[in-house]
Amino acid sequence: MDADSVSLLREVLASTGWLERTRELGRALRATRSPGGLLLVGTPDDEPWHLTAHLSDEARLSGLSQLTPTLLRWSPPANAPAHLRVGLNRLRDARRGETLFVVAEEQAPVPLLERVDDARRTGATILALDGGDPSLESLAHDALAVPRLDGPLSFDGAQHLVSSAAGDIRRLGLRQRLARLVDRVSGPHVSD
């Protein structure tokens, strides 16, 4: 979906409340503190490749390096490039300041829910874009459910709106703009 299509989708959804919800979720993604700390995971049968690519683009275009996602895969091949062989074991190291973004149109399987719960307990922020999964939503700090109806917004369309909103720095408030300025002046965050 190109920028013109996203603009058209925004116009169609202007009076529905969907834009506000996708913007809220997009803003929540920006709360991640460091590059690579935005962890994306889907279900075993549907990894969020498309959303990962869009968030990578948004990170690059907006200058918000914390939006650079890390795709977590259920069965990464050992011979894949380093950025494509990050498995679910990465969730063991999830910590405060990191965000786990679960993208699951279908019900999240129990093993995923268990790992999401573990990441939440270690301090990671949990966000979800789902098809209406109460178990997943109960673990999330913020969730957006896109029901499978003949409504104006598809699951794919919601992913585009959320990623676009995440990179939209024009809507930053004074507090966020000052925080970005402080980050730029103080230099990159270095872990101990």
Protein backbone atom coordinates (compact mmCIF):
# COMPACT_ATOMS: atom_id res chain seq x y z
CA MET A 1 0.00 0.00 0.00
CA ASP A 2 1.53 3.32 -1.04
CA ALA A 3 1.20 6.72 0.67
CA ASP A 4 -1.72 7.74 -1.56
CA SER A 5 -3.63 4.58 -0.66
CA VAL A 6 -3.01 5.17 3.04
CA SER A 7 -4.28 8.76 2.64
CA LEU A 8 -7.40 7.50 0.89
CA LEU A 9 -7.95 4.93 3.65
CA ARG A 10 -7.61 7.70 6.24
CA GLU A 11 -10.25 9.75 4.43
CA VAL A 12 -12.65 6.82 4.30
CA LEU A 13 -12.16 6.10 8.01
CA ALA A 14 -12.15 9.73 9.20
CA SER A 15 -15.49 9.55 11.01
CA THR A 16 -15.27 5.98 12.31
CA GLY A 17 -12.88 6.20 15.28
CA TRP A 18 -10.43 3.77 13.66
CA LEU A 19 -7.90 6.51 12.89
CA GLU A 20 -7.66 7.57 16.52
CA ARG A 21 -7.13 3.98 17.69
CA THR A 22 -4.46 3.25 15.07
CA ARG A 23 -2.72 6.54 15.97
CA GLU A 24 -2.74 5.61 19.67
CA LEU A 25 -1.17 2.24 18.93
CA GLY A 26 1.36 3.85 16.56
CA ARG A 27 2.35 6.34 19.26
CA ALA A 28 2.70 3.53 21.79
CA LEU A 29 5.23 1.84 19.46
CA ARG A 30 7.40 4.97 19.65
CA ALA A 31 7.78 4.51 23.43
CA THR A 32 10.38 1.83 22.78
CA ARG A 33 13.68 3.20 24.07
CA SER A 34 16.30 1.78 21.72
CA PRO A 35 16.82 0.37 18.22
CA GLY A 36 16.10 -3.34 18.18
CA GLY A 37 13.92 -3.05 21.29
CA LEU A 38 10.71 -3.19 19.26
CA LEU A 39 10.05 -6.93 19.03
CA LEU A 40 7.45 -8.15 16.51
CA VAL A 41 5.97 -11.61 16.68
CA GLY A 42 3.08 -13.34 15.00
CA THR A 43 1.68 -16.85 15.08
CA PRO A 44 3.56 -19.92 13.81
CA ASP A 45 1.58 -19.78 10.56
CA ASP A 46 1.66 -16.01 10.03
CA GLU A 47 4.80 -14.03 10.79
CA PRO A 48 4.39 -10.23 10.41
CA TRP A 49 6.91 -9.75 7.58
CA HIS A 50 4.94 -7.01 5.88
CA LEU A 51 4.54 -4.91 9.03
CA THR A 52 8.21 -5.43 9.88
CA ALA A 53 9.18 -3.99 6.49
CA HIS A 54 6.86 -1.01 6.90
CA LEU A 55 8.15 -0.21 10.39
CA SER A 56 11.72 -0.43 9.10
CA ASP A 57 10.84 2.09 6.40
CA GLU A 58 9.10 4.36 8.91
CA ALA A 59 12.13 4.22 11.23
CA ARG A 60 14.42 5.22 8.39
CA LEU A 61 12.19 7.95 6.97
CA SER A 62 11.23 9.52 10.30
CA GLY A 63 14.63 9.28 11.95
CA LEU A 64 13.03 7.37 14.85
CA SER A 65 15.56 4.56 15.22
CA GLN A 66 13.57 2.97 18.07
CA LEU A 67 10.99 1.94 15.45
CA THR A 68 13.54 -0.38 13.83
CA PRO A 69 11.86 -3.73 14.56
CA THR A 70 13.29 -7.09 15.43
CA LEU A 71 11.23 -9.86 13.83
CA LEU A 72 10.91 -12.87 16.15
CA ARG A 73 10.44 -16.10 14.26
CA TRP A 74 9.06 -19.43 15.41
CA SER A 75 11.51 -21.58 13.45
CA PRO A 76 14.28 -19.43 12.02
CA PRO A 77 16.59 -21.27 9.63
CA ALA A 78 20.17 -21.47 10.91
CA ASN A 79 21.54 -20.28 7.56
CA ALA A 80 19.34 -17.16 7.36
CA PRO A 81 20.91 -13.70 7.65
CA ALA A 82 21.36 -12.61 11.29
CA HIS A 83 18.33 -10.30 11.28
CA LEU A 84 16.11 -13.15 10.06
CA ARG A 85 17.21 -15.83 12.49
CA VAL A 86 16.06 -14.25 15.75
CA GLY A 87 13.89 -16.81 17.49
CA LEU A 88 11.35 -16.65 20.28
CA ASN A 89 14.14 -17.23 22.79
CA ARG A 90 14.82 -13.49 22.46
CA LEU A 91 11.74 -12.98 24.64
CA ARG A 92 13.68 -14.35 27.62
CA ASP A 93 15.81 -11.20 27.46
CA ALA A 94 12.89 -8.77 27.05
CA ARG A 95 13.10 -5.96 29.58
CA ARG A 96 11.72 -2.60 30.63
CA GLY A 97 12.02 -0.09 27.81
CA GLU A 98 11.38 -2.73 25.15
CA THR A 99 8.09 -3.34 23.41
CA LEU A 100 6.68 -6.68 22.33
CA PHE A 101 4.21 -6.10 19.50
CA VAL A 102 2.08 -9.19 18.87
CA VAL A 103 0.41 -9.22 15.45
CA ALA A 104 -2.08 -12.07 15.24
CA GLU A 105 -5.23 -12.07 13.15
CA GLU A 106 -5.93 -15.63 14.37
CA GLN A 107 -6.10 -16.76 18.01
CA ALA A 108 -2.67 -16.67 19.66
CA PRO A 109 -1.52 -20.19 20.58
CA VAL A 110 -0.93 -21.00 24.24
CA PRO A 111 2.90 -21.13 23.90
CA LEU A 112 2.86 -17.58 22.53
CA LEU A 113 0.56 -16.37 25.31
CA GLU A 114 2.91 -17.90 27.89
CA ARG A 115 5.92 -16.12 26.40
CA VAL A 116 4.00 -12.84 26.18
CA ASP A 117 3.11 -13.18 29.85
CA ASP A 118 6.77 -13.82 30.72
CA ALA A 119 7.88 -10.73 28.76
CA ARG A 120 5.27 -8.62 30.54
CA ARG A 121 6.52 -9.85 33.92
CA THR A 122 10.08 -8.78 33.07
CA GLY A 123 8.88 -5.25 32.31
CA ALA A 124 8.40 -5.20 28.53
CA THR A 125 5.46 -3.21 27.22
CA ILE A 126 3.00 -5.50 25.43
CA LEU A 127 1.03 -4.21 22.44
CA ALA A 128 -1.28 -6.26 20.26
CA LEU A 129 -2.96 -5.96 16.90
CA ASP A 130 -5.35 -8.87 16.72
CA GLY A 131 -8.56 -10.24 15.29
CA GLY A 132 -10.40 -10.16 18.62
CA ASP A 133 -8.47 -12.49 20.93
CA PRO A 134 -9.52 -11.86 24.56
CA SER A 135 -6.65 -13.94 25.98
CA LEU A 136 -4.05 -11.92 24.11
CA GLU A 137 -5.79 -8.62 24.84
CA SER A 138 -5.85 -9.39 28.57
CA LEU A 139 -2.02 -9.54 28.53
CA ALA A 140 -1.54 -6.40 26.46
CA HIS A 141 -1.00 -2.93 27.85
CA ASP A 142 -2.73 -1.66 24.71
CA ALA A 143 -4.49 -3.64 21.99
CA LEU A 144 -6.40 -2.96 18.83
CA ALA A 145 -8.84 -5.64 17.74
CA VAL A 146 -9.83 -5.66 14.07
CA PRO A 147 -12.83 -7.99 13.80
CA ARG A 148 -13.34 -9.97 10.63
CA LEU A 149 -16.43 -8.23 9.40
CA ASP A 150 -17.29 -6.58 6.15
CA GLY A 151 -16.35 -3.29 7.80
CA PRO A 152 -14.29 -0.43 6.48
CA LEU A 153 -10.97 -1.67 7.91
CA SER A 154 -9.16 -4.90 7.09
CA PHE A 155 -6.41 -6.41 9.21
CA ASP A 156 -3.88 -5.51 6.51
CA GLY A 157 -5.22 -1.94 6.36
CA ALA A 158 -4.88 -1.62 10.14
CA GLN A 159 -1.22 -2.67 9.91
CA HIS A 160 -0.57 0.05 7.34
CA LEU A 161 -2.30 2.71 9.44
CA VAL A 162 -0.45 1.72 12.63
CA SER A 163 2.97 1.70 10.96
CA SER A 164 2.26 5.01 9.26
CA ALA A 165 1.11 6.55 12.55
CA ALA A 166 4.22 5.24 14.32
CA GLY A 167 6.48 7.14 11.96
CA ASP A 168 4.36 10.28 11.79
CA ILE A 169 6.49 12.71 13.77
CA ARG A 170 4.40 15.72 12.80
CA ARG A 171 1.89 14.84 15.50
CA LEU A 172 4.42 14.78 18.33
CA GLY A 173 3.51 16.96 21.27
CA LEU A 174 5.87 19.35 23.01
CA ARG A 175 6.93 16.72 25.53
CA GLN A 176 7.83 14.18 22.83
CA ARG A 177 9.67 16.77 20.73
CA LEU A 178 11.73 17.82 23.76
CA ALA A 179 12.50 14.18 24.56
CA ARG A 180 13.75 13.64 20.98
CA LEU A 181 15.88 16.77 21.25
CA VAL A 182 17.40 15.58 24.54
CA ASP A 183 18.10 12.15 22.99
CA ARG A 184 19.86 13.75 20.02
CA VAL A 185 21.92 16.10 22.19
CA SER A 186 22.87 13.44 24.76
CA GLY A 187 23.80 10.82 22.17
CA PRO A 188 22.77 7.17 21.84
CA HIS A 189 21.59 5.09 24.80
CA VAL A 190 24.30 2.68 25.92
CA SER A 191 23.38 -0.33 28.06
CA ASP A 192 25.49 -1.27 31.05
